[in-house]
PDB file of N, CA and C in Angstrom:
ATOM      1  N   MET A   1       0.749  -1.183  -0.090  1.00  0.00           N
ATOM      2  CA  MET A   1      -0.001   0.035  -0.022  1.00  0.00           C
ATOM      3  C   MET A   1       0.871   1.248  -0.006  1.00  0.00           C
ATOM      4  N   GLU A   2       0.647   2.092  -1.039  1.00  0.00           N
ATOM      5  CA  GLU A   2       1.299   3.372  -1.017  1.00  0.00           C
ATOM      6  C   GLU A   2       0.698   4.364  -0.120  1.00  0.00           C
ATOM      7  N   LEU A   3       1.452   4.949   0.775  1.00  0.00           N
ATOM      8  CA  LEU A   3       0.897   6.182   1.596  1.00  0.00           C
ATOM      9  C   LEU A   3       1.343   7.435   1.040  1.00  0.00           C
ATOM     10  N   LYS A   4       0.432   8.379   1.161  1.00  0.00           N
ATOM     11  CA  LYS A   4       0.702   9.671   0.715  1.00  0.00           C
ATOM     12  C   LYS A   4       0.472  10.671   1.774  1.00  0.00           C
ATOM     13  N   TYR A   5       1.262  11.554   2.080  1.00  0.00           N
ATOM     14  CA  TYR A   5       1.066  12.558   3.041  1.00  0.00           C
ATOM     15  C   TYR A   5       1.232  13.989   2.536  1.00  0.00           C
ATOM     16  N   THR A   6       0.425  14.972   3.042  1.00  0.00           N
ATOM     17  CA  THR A   6       0.616  16.399   2.728  1.00  0.00           C
ATOM     18  C   THR A   6       1.855  16.838   3.377  1.00  0.00           C
ATOM     19  N   ILE A   7       2.692  17.709   2.732  1.00  0.00           N
ATOM     20  CA  ILE A   7       3.794  18.259   3.345  1.00  0.00           C
ATOM     21  C   ILE A   7       3.589  19.859   3.289  1.00  0.00           C
ATOM     22  N   LEU A   8       3.991  20.515   4.245  1.00  0.00           N
ATOM     23  CA  LEU A   8       4.035  22.158   4.339  1.00  0.00           C
ATOM     24  C   LEU A   8       5.465  22.562   3.986  1.00  0.00           C
ATOM     25  N   LEU A   9       5.648  23.221   2.960  1.00  0.00           N
ATOM     26  CA  LEU A   9       6.997  23.769   2.753  1.00  0.00           C
ATOM     27  C   LEU A   9       7.118  25.179   3.078  1.00  0.00           C
ATOM     28  N   GLU A  10       7.943  25.649   3.912  1.00  0.00           N
ATOM     29  CA  GLU A  10       8.038  27.061   4.275  1.00  0.00           C
ATOM     30  C   GLU A  10       9.479  27.552   3.916  1.00  0.00           C
ATOM     31  N   LYS A  11       9.499  28.640   3.252  1.00  0.00           N
ATOM     32  CA  LYS A  11      10.754  29.339   3.094  1.00  0.00           C
ATOM     33  C   LYS A  11      11.214  30.159   4.263  1.00  0.00           C
ATOM     34  N   ASN A  12      12.508  29.745   4.681  1.00  0.00           N
ATOM     35  CA  ASN A  12      12.999  30.396   5.800  1.00  0.00           C
ATOM     36  C   ASN A  12      13.634  31.781   5.483  1.00  0.00           C
ATOM     37  N   GLU A  13      13.494  32.750   6.411  1.00  0.00           N
ATOM     38  CA  GLU A  13      14.033  34.101   6.215  1.00  0.00           C
ATOM     39  C   GLU A  13      15.461  34.182   5.921  1.00  0.00           C
ATOM     40  N   ASP A  14      16.274  33.136   6.504  1.00  0.00           N
ATOM     41  CA  ASP A  14      17.740  33.311   6.424  1.00  0.00           C
ATOM     42  C   ASP A  14      18.280  32.297   5.312  1.00  0.00           C
ATOM     43  N   GLY A  15      17.268  31.799   4.411  1.00  0.00           N
ATOM     44  CA  GLY A  15      17.565  31.004   3.343  1.00  0.00           C
ATOM     45  C   GLY A  15      17.175  29.598   3.608  1.00  0.00           C
ATOM     46  N   GLY A  16      16.966  28.734   2.644  1.00  0.00           N
ATOM     47  CA  GLY A  16      16.516  27.333   2.658  1.00  0.00           C
ATOM     48  C   GLY A  16      15.002  27.275   2.982  1.00  0.00           C
ATOM     49  N   TYR A  17      14.671  25.952   3.301  1.00  0.00           N
ATOM     50  CA  TYR A  17      13.197  25.701   3.457  1.00  0.00           C
ATOM     51  C   TYR A  17      13.071  24.602   4.448  1.00  0.00           C
ATOM     52  N   THR A  18      11.989  24.769   5.310  1.00  0.00           N
ATOM     53  CA  THR A  18      11.622  23.979   6.218  1.00  0.00           C
ATOM     54  C   THR A  18      10.419  23.118   5.828  1.00  0.00           C
ATOM     55  N   VAL A  19      10.327  21.780   5.996  1.00  0.00           N
ATOM     56  CA  VAL A  19       9.178  21.002   5.631  1.00  0.00           C
ATOM     57  C   VAL A  19       8.627  20.379   6.855  1.00  0.00           C
ATOM     58  N   THR A  20       7.264  20.373   7.037  1.00  0.00           N
ATOM     59  CA  THR A  20       6.668  19.719   8.200  1.00  0.00           C
ATOM     60  C   THR A  20       5.596  18.716   7.572  1.00  0.00           C
ATOM     61  N   VAL A  21       5.340  17.617   8.214  1.00  0.00           N
ATOM     62  CA  VAL A  21       4.264  16.730   7.733  1.00  0.00           C
ATOM     63  C   VAL A  21       3.199  16.609   8.882  1.00  0.00           C
ATOM     64  N   PRO A  22       2.097  17.307   8.636  1.00  0.00           N
ATOM     65  CA  PRO A  22       1.124  17.446   9.655  1.00  0.00           C
ATOM     66  C   PRO A  22       0.582  16.226  10.182  1.00  0.00           C
ATOM     67  N   SER A  23       0.447  15.094   9.410  1.00  0.00           N
ATOM     68  CA  SER A  23      -0.161  13.943   9.847  1.00  0.00           C
ATOM     69  C   SER A  23       0.911  13.119  10.644  1.00  0.00           C
ATOM     70  N   LEU A  24       2.191  13.439  10.623  1.00  0.00           N
ATOM     71  CA  LEU A  24       3.240  12.723  11.312  1.00  0.00           C
ATOM     72  C   LEU A  24       3.918  13.663  12.316  1.00  0.00           C
ATOM     73  N   PRO A  25       3.369  13.759  13.528  1.00  0.00           N
ATOM     74  CA  PRO A  25       3.827  14.664  14.546  1.00  0.00           C
ATOM     75  C   PRO A  25       5.342  14.572  14.775  1.00  0.00           C
ATOM     76  N   GLY A  26       6.112  15.677  14.684  1.00  0.00           N
ATOM     77  CA  GLY A  26       7.567  15.666  14.832  1.00  0.00           C
ATOM     78  C   GLY A  26       8.291  15.519  13.579  1.00  0.00           C
ATOM     79  N   CYS A  27       7.668  15.098  12.449  1.00  0.00           N
ATOM     80  CA  CYS A  27       8.422  14.808  11.293  1.00  0.00           C
ATOM     81  C   CYS A  27       8.640  16.143  10.604  1.00  0.00           C
ATOM     82  N   ILE A  28       9.917  16.599  10.683  1.00  0.00           N
ATOM     83  CA  ILE A  28      10.282  17.998  10.173  1.00  0.00           C
ATOM     84  C   ILE A  28      11.602  17.829   9.609  1.00  0.00           C
ATOM     85  N   THR A  29      11.804  18.447   8.515  1.00  0.00           N
ATOM     86  CA  THR A  29      13.211  18.351   7.894  1.00  0.00           C
ATOM     87  C   THR A  29      13.602  19.812   7.141  1.00  0.00           C
ATOM     88  N   GLU A  30      14.648  19.982   6.685  1.00  0.00           N
ATOM     89  CA  GLU A  30      15.032  21.107   5.973  1.00  0.00           C
ATOM     90  C   GLU A  30      15.751  20.844   4.566  1.00  0.00           C
ATOM     91  N   GLY A  31      15.995  21.852   3.862  1.00  0.00           N
ATOM     92  CA  GLY A  31      16.888  21.742   2.789  1.00  0.00           C
ATOM     93  C   GLY A  31      17.374  23.190   2.418  1.00  0.00           C
ATOM     94  N   SER A  32      18.347  23.274   1.611  1.00  0.00           N
ATOM     95  CA  SER A  32      18.860  24.509   1.124  1.00  0.00           C
ATOM     96  C   SER A  32      18.031  25.069  -0.050  1.00  0.00           C
ATOM     97  N   THR A  33      17.477  24.101  -0.811  1.00  0.00           N
ATOM     98  CA  THR A  33      16.635  24.448  -1.887  1.00  0.00           C
ATOM     99  C   THR A  33      15.304  23.717  -1.744  1.00  0.00           C
ATOM    100  N   TRP A  34      14.239  24.095  -2.469  1.00  0.00           N
ATOM    101  CA  TRP A  34      12.927  23.450  -2.197  1.00  0.00           C
ATOM    102  C   TRP A  34      13.104  22.005  -2.633  1.00  0.00           C
ATOM    103  N   GLU A  35      13.861  21.674  -3.725  1.00  0.00           N
ATOM    104  CA  GLU A  35      14.040  20.360  -4.199  1.00  0.00           C
ATOM    105  C   GLU A  35      14.716  19.510  -3.124  1.00  0.00           C
ATOM    106  N   GLU A  36      15.801  20.003  -2.548  1.00  0.00           N
ATOM    107  CA  GLU A  36      16.520  19.421  -1.463  1.00  0.00           C
ATOM    108  C   GLU A  36      15.451  18.987  -0.286  1.00  0.00           C
ATOM    109  N   ALA A  37      14.788  20.112   0.056  1.00  0.00           N
ATOM    110  CA  ALA A  37      13.731  19.955   1.160  1.00  0.00           C
ATOM    111  C   ALA A  37      12.781  18.880   0.878  1.00  0.00           C
ATOM    112  N   PHE A  38      12.292  18.819  -0.393  1.00  0.00           N
ATOM    113  CA  PHE A  38      11.329  17.786  -0.797  1.00  0.00           C
ATOM    114  C   PHE A  38      11.844  16.483  -0.720  1.00  0.00           C
ATOM    115  N   THR A  39      13.074  16.259  -1.166  1.00  0.00           N
ATOM    116  CA  THR A  39      13.754  14.937  -1.136  1.00  0.00           C
ATOM    117  C   THR A  39      13.975  14.530   0.360  1.00  0.00           C
ATOM    118  N   ASN A  40      14.480  15.489   1.057  1.00  0.00           N
ATOM    119  CA  ASN A  40      14.623  15.235   2.506  1.00  0.00           C
ATOM    120  C   ASN A  40      13.277  14.852   3.240  1.00  0.00           C
ATOM    121  N   ALA A  41      12.206  15.408   2.848  1.00  0.00           N
ATOM    122  CA  ALA A  41      11.000  15.143   3.336  1.00  0.00           C
ATOM    123  C   ALA A  41      10.471  13.665   3.076  1.00  0.00           C
ATOM    124  N   GLN A  42      10.759  13.210   1.782  1.00  0.00           N
ATOM    125  CA  GLN A  42      10.428  11.889   1.509  1.00  0.00           C
ATOM    126  C   GLN A  42      11.235  10.987   2.319  1.00  0.00           C
ATOM    127  N   GLU A  43      12.540  11.186   2.520  1.00  0.00           N
ATOM    128  CA  GLU A  43      13.319  10.271   3.375  1.00  0.00           C
ATOM    129  C   GLU A  43      12.947  10.252   4.746  1.00  0.00           C
ATOM    130  N   ALA A  44      12.449  11.539   5.230  1.00  0.00           N
ATOM    131  CA  ALA A  44      12.065  11.695   6.668  1.00  0.00           C
ATOM    132  C   ALA A  44      10.723  10.860   6.917  1.00  0.00           C
ATOM    133  N   ILE A  45       9.886  10.916   5.934  1.00  0.00           N
ATOM    134  CA  ILE A  45       8.575  10.141   5.934  1.00  0.00           C
ATOM    135  C   ILE A  45       8.848   8.708   5.907  1.00  0.00           C
ATOM    136  N   GLU A  46       9.696   8.297   5.046  1.00  0.00           N
ATOM    137  CA  GLU A  46      10.050   6.796   4.969  1.00  0.00           C
ATOM    138  C   GLU A  46      10.652   6.358   6.311  1.00  0.00           C
ATOM    139  N   GLY A  47      11.505   7.072   6.915  1.00  0.00           N
ATOM    140  CA  GLY A  47      12.174   6.709   8.180  1.00  0.00           C
ATOM    141  C   GLY A  47      11.180   6.795   9.326  1.00  0.00           C
ATOM    142  N   TYR A  48      10.322   7.665   9.378  1.00  0.00           N
ATOM    143  CA  TYR A  48       9.269   7.780  10.313  1.00  0.00           C
ATOM    144  C   TYR A  48       8.421   6.505  10.230  1.00  0.00           C
ATOM    145  N   ILE A  49       7.882   6.099   9.176  1.00  0.00           N
ATOM    146  CA  ILE A  49       7.027   4.852   8.969  1.00  0.00           C
ATOM    147  C   ILE A  49       7.763   3.705   9.330  1.00  0.00           C
ATOM    148  N   GLU A  50       8.937   3.638   8.901  1.00  0.00           N
ATOM    149  CA  GLU A  50       9.846   2.379   9.262  1.00  0.00           C
ATOM    150  C   GLU A  50       9.992   2.259  10.905  1.00  0.00           C
ATOM    151  N   THR A  51      10.218   3.319  11.457  1.00  0.00           N
ATOM    152  CA  THR A  51      10.316   3.337  12.903  1.00  0.00           C
ATOM    153  C   THR A  51       9.032   2.817  13.579  1.00  0.00           C
ATOM    154  N   LEU A  52       7.954   3.512  13.094  1.00  0.00           N
ATOM    155  CA  LEU A  52       6.576   3.064  13.676  1.00  0.00           C
ATOM    156  C   LEU A  52       6.377   1.453  13.366  1.00  0.00           C
ATOM    157  N   LYS A  53       6.744   0.982  12.285  1.00  0.00           N
ATOM    158  CA  LYS A  53       6.620  -0.475  11.982  1.00  0.00           C
ATOM    159  C   LYS A  53       7.458  -1.218  12.896  1.00  0.00           C
ATOM    160  N   ASP A  54       8.744  -0.791  13.112  1.00  0.00           N
ATOM    161  CA  ASP A  54       9.616  -1.623  14.033  1.00  0.00           C
ATOM    162  C   ASP A  54       9.051  -1.530  15.396  1.00  0.00           C
ATOM    163  N   LEU A  55       8.467  -0.511  15.895  1.00  0.00           N
ATOM    164  CA  LEU A  55       7.973  -0.346  17.195  1.00  0.00           C
ATOM    165  C   LEU A  55       6.524  -0.904  17.295  1.00  0.00           C
ATOM    166  N   LYS A  56       5.997  -1.539  16.132  1.00  0.00           N
ATOM    167  CA  LYS A  56       4.696  -2.145  16.078  1.00  0.00           C
ATOM    168  C   LYS A  56       3.583  -1.046  16.495  1.00  0.00           C
ATOM    169  N   LYS A  57       3.776   0.143  16.114  1.00  0.00           N
ATOM    170  CA  LYS A  57       2.865   1.206  16.342  1.00  0.00           C
ATOM    171  C   LYS A  57       1.901   1.342  15.068  1.00  0.00           C
ATOM    172  N   PRO A  58       0.803   1.928  15.208  1.00  0.00           N
ATOM    173  CA  PRO A  58      -0.117   2.155  14.030  1.00  0.00           C
ATOM    174  C   PRO A  58       0.386   3.280  13.145  1.00  0.00           C
ATOM    175  N   ILE A  59       0.324   3.016  11.716  1.00  0.00           N
ATOM    176  CA  ILE A  59       0.662   4.046  10.912  1.00  0.00           C
ATOM    177  C   ILE A  59      -0.357   5.130  10.638  1.00  0.00           C
ATOM    178  N   PRO A  60      -0.080   6.384  10.975  1.00  0.00           N
ATOM    179  CA  PRO A  60      -1.155   7.421  10.855  1.00  0.00           C
ATOM    180  C   PRO A  60      -1.745   7.555   9.324  1.00  0.00           C
ATOM    181  N   VAL A  61      -2.957   7.864   9.344  1.00  0.00           N
ATOM    182  CA  VAL A  61      -3.517   8.154   7.912  1.00  0.00           C
ATOM    183  C   VAL A  61      -3.497   9.672   7.757  1.00  0.00           C
ATOM    184  N   GLU A  62      -3.579  10.070   6.486  1.00  0.00           N
ATOM    185  CA  GLU A  62      -3.522  11.471   6.178  1.00  0.00           C
ATOM    186  C   GLU A  62      -4.630  12.208   6.863  1.00  0.00           C
ATOM    187  N   VAL A  63      -4.271  13.407   7.374  1.00  0.00           N
ATOM    188  CA  VAL A  63      -5.146  14.268   8.118  1.00  0.00           C
ATOM    189  C   VAL A  63      -5.341  15.541   6.997  1.00  0.00           C
ATOM    190  N   PRO A  64      -6.546  15.837   6.739  1.00  0.00           N
ATOM    191  CA  PRO A  64      -6.859  16.914   5.871  1.00  0.00           C
ATOM    192  C   PRO A  64      -6.231  18.302   6.378  1.00  0.00           C
ATOM    193  N   VAL A  65      -5.480  19.070   5.715  1.00  0.00           N
ATOM    194  CA  VAL A  65      -4.873  20.269   6.061  1.00  0.00           C
ATOM    195  C   VAL A  65      -5.616  21.401   5.513  1.00  0.00           C
ATOM    196  N   ARG A  66      -6.018  22.300   6.387  1.00  0.00           N
ATOM    197  CA  ARG A  66      -6.721  23.570   5.887  1.00  0.00           C
ATOM    198  C   ARG A  66      -5.893  24.715   5.961  1.00  0.00           C
ATOM    199  N   ILE A  67      -5.637  25.308   4.850  1.00  0.00           N
ATOM    200  CA  ILE A  67      -4.780  26.444   4.702  1.00  0.00           C
ATOM    201  C   ILE A  67      -5.571  27.712   4.681  1.00  0.00           C
ATOM    202  N   PRO A  68      -5.423  28.565   5.722  1.00  0.00           N
ATOM    203  CA  PRO A  68      -6.283  29.875   5.748  1.00  0.00           C
ATOM    204  C   PRO A  68      -6.116  30.630   4.543  1.00  0.00           C
ATOM    205  N   ALA A  69      -7.188  31.390   4.263  1.00  0.00           N
ATOM    206  CA  ALA A  69      -7.173  32.267   3.037  1.00  0.00           C
ATOM    207  C   ALA A  69      -5.997  33.338   3.097  1.00  0.00           C
ATOM    208  N   GLY A  70      -5.382  33.606   2.115  1.00  0.00           N
ATOM    209  CA  GLY A  70      -4.479  34.698   2.066  1.00  0.00           C
ATOM    210  C   GLY A  70      -2.945  34.072   2.368  1.00  0.00           C
ATOM    211  N   VAL A  71      -2.809  32.871   2.783  1.00  0.00           N
ATOM    212  CA  VAL A  71      -1.540  32.400   3.253  1.00  0.00           C
ATOM    213  C   VAL A  71      -0.736  32.098   1.980  1.00  0.00           C
ATOM    214  N   LEU A  72      -1.242  31.553   0.971  1.00  0.00           N
ATOM    215  CA  LEU A  72      -0.425  31.408  -0.215  1.00  0.00           C
ATOM    216  C   LEU A  72      -0.249  32.579  -1.118  1.00  0.00           C
TER     217      LEU A  72
END
């Protein structure tokens, strides 16, 4: 089963990008470019899921994310 999660990509004031995964608490990563941040997010999600499997914990399902008007 392929799992898909929403990621939130935020540009940092001092350069680079931070990515959070709302459905996976604490799953946060960064990158110098948005491409690097996206790749790092994929790796972070995979690692997060593998850790949950190793610990025999339930795998979270996607939580809908609501973005307030005017944010984008």
